[in-house]
Amino acid sequence: MCSVMNTALRSLLSTKPCLGSLVARLALGLVMFPHGAQKALGWFGGHGFAGTMGFFTGMMHIPAPFAFLAILAEFAGSLGLIVGLFGRVAAFGIACVMTVAILTVHLSNGFFMNWFGTQKGEGFESHPLRHATSSPADPHKY
């Protein structure tokens, strides 16, 4: 039983020594970090933790535990991907956040991003890319 737990924990904590995995982790982590830092710290023009929690719970009616987990997934998850710690957990958290963002905010604006400021909001074309790079699949299987 103990060896099964050790194997599971090692699998959860480890990252593959593969250049492709490294590039994917760094790309997703570096793209998501500013978004998480906006929400958690107020950097990059964000409203910080209190402001984001207020918006998520008050305006979007997201329960506080889920709002907290979304902020945690974007901020701590991006750092985890960058340094290679809890990569699978971080990728799963970010994938969940991006799925909810598509379904609750961006789907009504269509697929394409607002490159020229002519549409009402942002599309969701970058979200599938984030899903793809957050996949915990073993690149050696393909």
C-alpha atoms as a PDB file:
ATOM      1  CA  MET A   1       0.000   0.000   0.000  1.00  0.00           C
ATOM      2  CA  CYS A   2       2.813   2.388   0.900  1.00  0.00           C
ATOM      3  CA  SER A   3       4.662   1.735  -2.355  1.00  0.00           C
ATOM      4  CA  VAL A   4       1.472   2.464  -4.318  1.00  0.00           C
ATOM      5  CA  MET A   5       1.112   5.774  -2.476  1.00  0.00           C
ATOM      6  CA  ASN A   6       4.768   6.633  -3.113  1.00  0.00           C
ATOM      7  CA  THR A   7       4.405   5.821  -6.808  1.00  0.00           C
ATOM      8  CA  ALA A   8       1.240   7.907  -7.079  1.00  0.00           C
ATOM      9  CA  LEU A   9       2.826  10.830  -5.243  1.00  0.00           C
ATOM     10  CA  ARG A  10       5.997  10.613  -7.340  1.00  0.00           C
ATOM     11  CA  SER A  11       3.893  10.553 -10.512  1.00  0.00           C
ATOM     12  CA  LEU A  12       1.928  13.580  -9.331  1.00  0.00           C
ATOM     13  CA  LEU A  13       5.009  15.614  -8.403  1.00  0.00           C
ATOM     14  CA  SER A  14       7.383  14.680 -11.206  1.00  0.00           C
ATOM     15  CA  THR A  15       7.794  16.189 -14.639  1.00  0.00           C
ATOM     16  CA  LYS A  16       9.054  14.427 -17.740  1.00  0.00           C
ATOM     17  CA  PRO A  17      12.660  15.224 -18.756  1.00  0.00           C
ATOM     18  CA  CYS A  18      11.525  16.182 -22.242  1.00  0.00           C
ATOM     19  CA  LEU A  19      12.161  19.399 -24.164  1.00  0.00           C
ATOM     20  CA  GLY A  20       8.633  19.432 -25.594  1.00  0.00           C
ATOM     21  CA  SER A  21       7.073  19.179 -22.134  1.00  0.00           C
ATOM     22  CA  LEU A  22       9.380  21.906 -20.838  1.00  0.00           C
ATOM     23  CA  VAL A  23       8.452  24.283 -23.654  1.00  0.00           C
ATOM     24  CA  ALA A  24       4.725  23.585 -23.209  1.00  0.00           C
ATOM     25  CA  ARG A  25       4.898  24.062 -19.415  1.00  0.00           C
ATOM     26  CA  LEU A  26       6.872  27.290 -19.710  1.00  0.00           C
ATOM     27  CA  ALA A  27       4.635  28.678 -22.448  1.00  0.00           C
ATOM     28  CA  LEU A  28       1.432  28.013 -20.512  1.00  0.00           C
ATOM     29  CA  GLY A  29       2.947  29.133 -17.212  1.00  0.00           C
ATOM     30  CA  LEU A  30       4.293  32.385 -18.642  1.00  0.00           C
ATOM     31  CA  VAL A  31       1.005  33.166 -20.410  1.00  0.00           C
ATOM     32  CA  MET A  32      -1.095  32.440 -17.326  1.00  0.00           C
ATOM     33  CA  PHE A  33       1.163  34.100 -14.731  1.00  0.00           C
ATOM     34  CA  PRO A  34       0.199  37.717 -15.537  1.00  0.00           C
ATOM     35  CA  HIS A  35      -3.490  36.783 -15.412  1.00  0.00           C
ATOM     36  CA  GLY A  36      -3.059  35.078 -12.049  1.00  0.00           C
ATOM     37  CA  ALA A  37      -0.938  37.954 -10.727  1.00  0.00           C
ATOM     38  CA  GLN A  38      -3.680  40.407 -11.721  1.00  0.00           C
ATOM     39  CA  LYS A  39      -6.183  38.476  -9.676  1.00  0.00           C
ATOM     40  CA  ALA A  40      -4.002  37.547  -6.698  1.00  0.00           C
ATOM     41  CA  LEU A  41      -1.662  40.531  -6.339  1.00  0.00           C
ATOM     42  CA  GLY A  42      -3.154  43.389  -8.348  1.00  0.00           C
ATOM     43  CA  TRP A  43      -0.162  43.451 -10.695  1.00  0.00           C
ATOM     44  CA  PHE A  44      -0.429  44.302 -14.395  1.00  0.00           C
ATOM     45  CA  GLY A  45      -3.467  46.526 -13.847  1.00  0.00           C
ATOM     46  CA  GLY A  46      -5.459  43.929 -11.917  1.00  0.00           C
ATOM     47  CA  HIS A  47      -7.697  44.490  -8.912  1.00  0.00           C
ATOM     48  CA  GLY A  48      -5.932  42.145  -6.519  1.00  0.00           C
ATOM     49  CA  PHE A  49      -7.345  39.357  -4.414  1.00  0.00           C
ATOM     50  CA  ALA A  50     -10.066  41.315  -2.597  1.00  0.00           C
ATOM     51  CA  GLY A  51     -11.276  43.047  -5.758  1.00  0.00           C
ATOM     52  CA  THR A  52     -11.322  39.845  -7.759  1.00  0.00           C
ATOM     53  CA  MET A  53     -13.106  37.913  -5.009  1.00  0.00           C
ATOM     54  CA  GLY A  54     -15.663  40.723  -4.785  1.00  0.00           C
ATOM     55  CA  PHE A  55     -16.251  40.641  -8.537  1.00  0.00           C
ATOM     56  CA  PHE A  56     -16.438  36.855  -8.757  1.00  0.00           C
ATOM     57  CA  THR A  57     -18.787  36.469  -5.777  1.00  0.00           C
ATOM     58  CA  GLY A  58     -20.824  39.658  -6.152  1.00  0.00           C
ATOM     59  CA  MET A  59     -21.148  40.257  -9.893  1.00  0.00           C
ATOM     60  CA  MET A  60     -20.678  36.759 -11.285  1.00  0.00           C
ATOM     61  CA  HIS A  61     -22.339  34.960  -8.326  1.00  0.00           C
ATOM     62  CA  ILE A  62     -19.563  32.384  -8.096  1.00  0.00           C
ATOM     63  CA  PRO A  63     -19.425  30.711  -4.668  1.00  0.00           C
ATOM     64  CA  ALA A  64     -16.439  31.958  -2.656  1.00  0.00           C
ATOM     65  CA  PRO A  65     -14.627  28.582  -2.491  1.00  0.00           C
ATOM     66  CA  PHE A  66     -14.746  28.247  -6.291  1.00  0.00           C
ATOM     67  CA  ALA A  67     -13.673  31.868  -6.784  1.00  0.00           C
ATOM     68  CA  PHE A  68     -10.716  31.244  -4.477  1.00  0.00           C
ATOM     69  CA  LEU A  69      -9.799  28.054  -6.354  1.00  0.00           C
ATOM     70  CA  ALA A  70      -9.914  29.905  -9.695  1.00  0.00           C
ATOM     71  CA  ILE A  71      -7.506  32.565  -8.411  1.00  0.00           C
ATOM     72  CA  LEU A  72      -5.289  29.883  -6.884  1.00  0.00           C
ATOM     73  CA  ALA A  73      -5.285  27.834 -10.097  1.00  0.00           C
ATOM     74  CA  GLU A  74      -4.227  30.786 -12.245  1.00  0.00           C
ATOM     75  CA  PHE A  75      -1.616  32.189  -9.861  1.00  0.00           C
ATOM     76  CA  ALA A  76      -0.102  29.188  -8.071  1.00  0.00           C
ATOM     77  CA  GLY A  77      -0.766  26.918 -11.048  1.00  0.00           C
ATOM     78  CA  SER A  78       1.217  29.130 -13.386  1.00  0.00           C
ATOM     79  CA  LEU A  79       4.116  29.234 -10.921  1.00  0.00           C
ATOM     80  CA  GLY A  80       3.939  25.453 -10.544  1.00  0.00           C
ATOM     81  CA  LEU A  81       4.169  24.995 -14.299  1.00  0.00           C
ATOM     82  CA  ILE A  82       7.085  27.411 -14.589  1.00  0.00           C
ATOM     83  CA  VAL A  83       9.148  25.690 -11.896  1.00  0.00           C
ATOM     84  CA  GLY A  84       7.926  22.162 -12.719  1.00  0.00           C
ATOM     85  CA  LEU A  85       6.167  21.423  -9.441  1.00  0.00           C
ATOM     86  CA  PHE A  86       2.706  19.808  -9.330  1.00  0.00           C
ATOM     87  CA  GLY A  87       2.553  20.133 -13.113  1.00  0.00           C
ATOM     88  CA  ARG A  88      -0.382  17.790 -13.540  1.00  0.00           C
ATOM     89  CA  VAL A  89      -2.404  19.452 -10.780  1.00  0.00           C
ATOM     90  CA  ALA A  90      -1.538  22.925 -12.087  1.00  0.00           C
ATOM     91  CA  ALA A  91      -2.455  22.004 -15.662  1.00  0.00           C
ATOM     92  CA  PHE A  92      -5.760  20.485 -14.539  1.00  0.00           C
ATOM     93  CA  GLY A  93      -6.619  23.602 -12.523  1.00  0.00           C
ATOM     94  CA  ILE A  94      -5.851  25.914 -15.421  1.00  0.00           C
ATOM     95  CA  ALA A  95      -7.836  23.713 -17.818  1.00  0.00           C
ATOM     96  CA  CYS A  96     -10.836  23.924 -15.464  1.00  0.00           C
ATOM     97  CA  VAL A  97     -10.543  27.712 -15.209  1.00  0.00           C
ATOM     98  CA  MET A  98     -10.330  28.060 -19.003  1.00  0.00           C
ATOM     99  CA  THR A  99     -13.356  25.784 -19.507  1.00  0.00           C
ATOM    100  CA  VAL A 100     -15.428  27.870 -17.102  1.00  0.00           C
ATOM    101  CA  ALA A 101     -14.180  31.096 -18.755  1.00  0.00           C
ATOM    102  CA  ILE A 102     -15.296  29.836 -22.159  1.00  0.00           C
ATOM    103  CA  LEU A 103     -18.712  28.701 -20.958  1.00  0.00           C
ATOM    104  CA  THR A 104     -19.560  31.673 -18.730  1.00  0.00           C
ATOM    105  CA  VAL A 105     -17.937  34.683 -20.404  1.00  0.00           C
ATOM    106  CA  HIS A 106     -16.384  34.206 -23.836  1.00  0.00           C
ATOM    107  CA  LEU A 107     -18.697  31.796 -25.685  1.00  0.00           C
ATOM    108  CA  SER A 108     -21.251  34.487 -26.528  1.00  0.00           C
ATOM    109  CA  ASN A 109     -18.530  36.524 -28.277  1.00  0.00           C
ATOM    110  CA  GLY A 110     -17.626  33.766 -30.709  1.00  0.00           C
ATOM    111  CA  PHE A 111     -14.354  32.085 -31.495  1.00  0.00           C
ATOM    112  CA  PHE A 112     -12.107  34.960 -32.596  1.00  0.00           C
ATOM    113  CA  MET A 113     -10.232  37.394 -30.394  1.00  0.00           C
ATOM    114  CA  ASN A 114     -10.996  41.101 -30.623  1.00  0.00           C
ATOM    115  CA  TRP A 115      -7.895  41.998 -32.657  1.00  0.00           C
ATOM    116  CA  PHE A 116      -9.248  45.298 -34.011  1.00  0.00           C
ATOM    117  CA  GLY A 117     -11.662  46.416 -31.282  1.00  0.00           C
ATOM    118  CA  THR A 118     -14.693  45.909 -33.508  1.00  0.00           C
ATOM    119  CA  GLN A 119     -16.531  43.254 -31.510  1.00  0.00           C
ATOM    120  CA  LYS A 120     -18.174  43.479 -28.118  1.00  0.00           C
ATOM    121  CA  GLY A 121     -15.792  41.207 -26.204  1.00  0.00           C
ATOM    122  CA  GLU A 122     -13.014  38.702 -26.518  1.00  0.00           C
ATOM    123  CA  GLY A 123     -13.550  35.400 -28.257  1.00  0.00           C
ATOM    124  CA  PHE A 124     -12.196  32.145 -26.963  1.00  0.00           C
ATOM    125  CA  GLU A 125      -9.639  31.190 -29.616  1.00  0.00           C
ATOM    126  CA  SER A 126      -6.751  31.242 -27.152  1.00  0.00           C
ATOM    127  CA  HIS A 127      -8.532  28.959 -24.686  1.00  0.00           C
ATOM    128  CA  PRO A 128      -8.237  25.733 -26.732  1.00  0.00           C
ATOM    129  CA  LEU A 129      -4.512  26.418 -27.079  1.00  0.00           C
ATOM    130  CA  ARG A 130      -4.253  26.697 -23.311  1.00  0.00           C
ATOM    131  CA  HIS A 131      -6.170  23.441 -23.009  1.00  0.00           C
ATOM    132  CA  ALA A 132      -3.797  21.743 -25.416  1.00  0.00           C
ATOM    133  CA  THR A 133      -0.679  22.942 -23.612  1.00  0.00           C
ATOM    134  CA  SER A 134      -2.134  22.002 -20.237  1.00  0.00           C
ATOM    135  CA  SER A 135      -2.627  18.369 -21.271  1.00  0.00           C
ATOM    136  CA  PRO A 136      -0.786  16.012 -18.929  1.00  0.00           C
ATOM    137  CA  ALA A 137      -0.410  13.447 -21.717  1.00  0.00           C
ATOM    138  CA  ASP A 138       2.920  11.729 -22.164  1.00  0.00           C
ATOM    139  CA  PRO A 139       4.518  13.166 -25.336  1.00  0.00           C
ATOM    140  CA  HIS A 140       6.470   9.940 -25.855  1.00  0.00           C
ATOM    141  CA  LYS A 141       3.253   8.037 -26.665  1.00  0.00           C
ATOM    142  CA  TYR A 142       2.711   9.901 -29.947  1.00  0.00           C
END
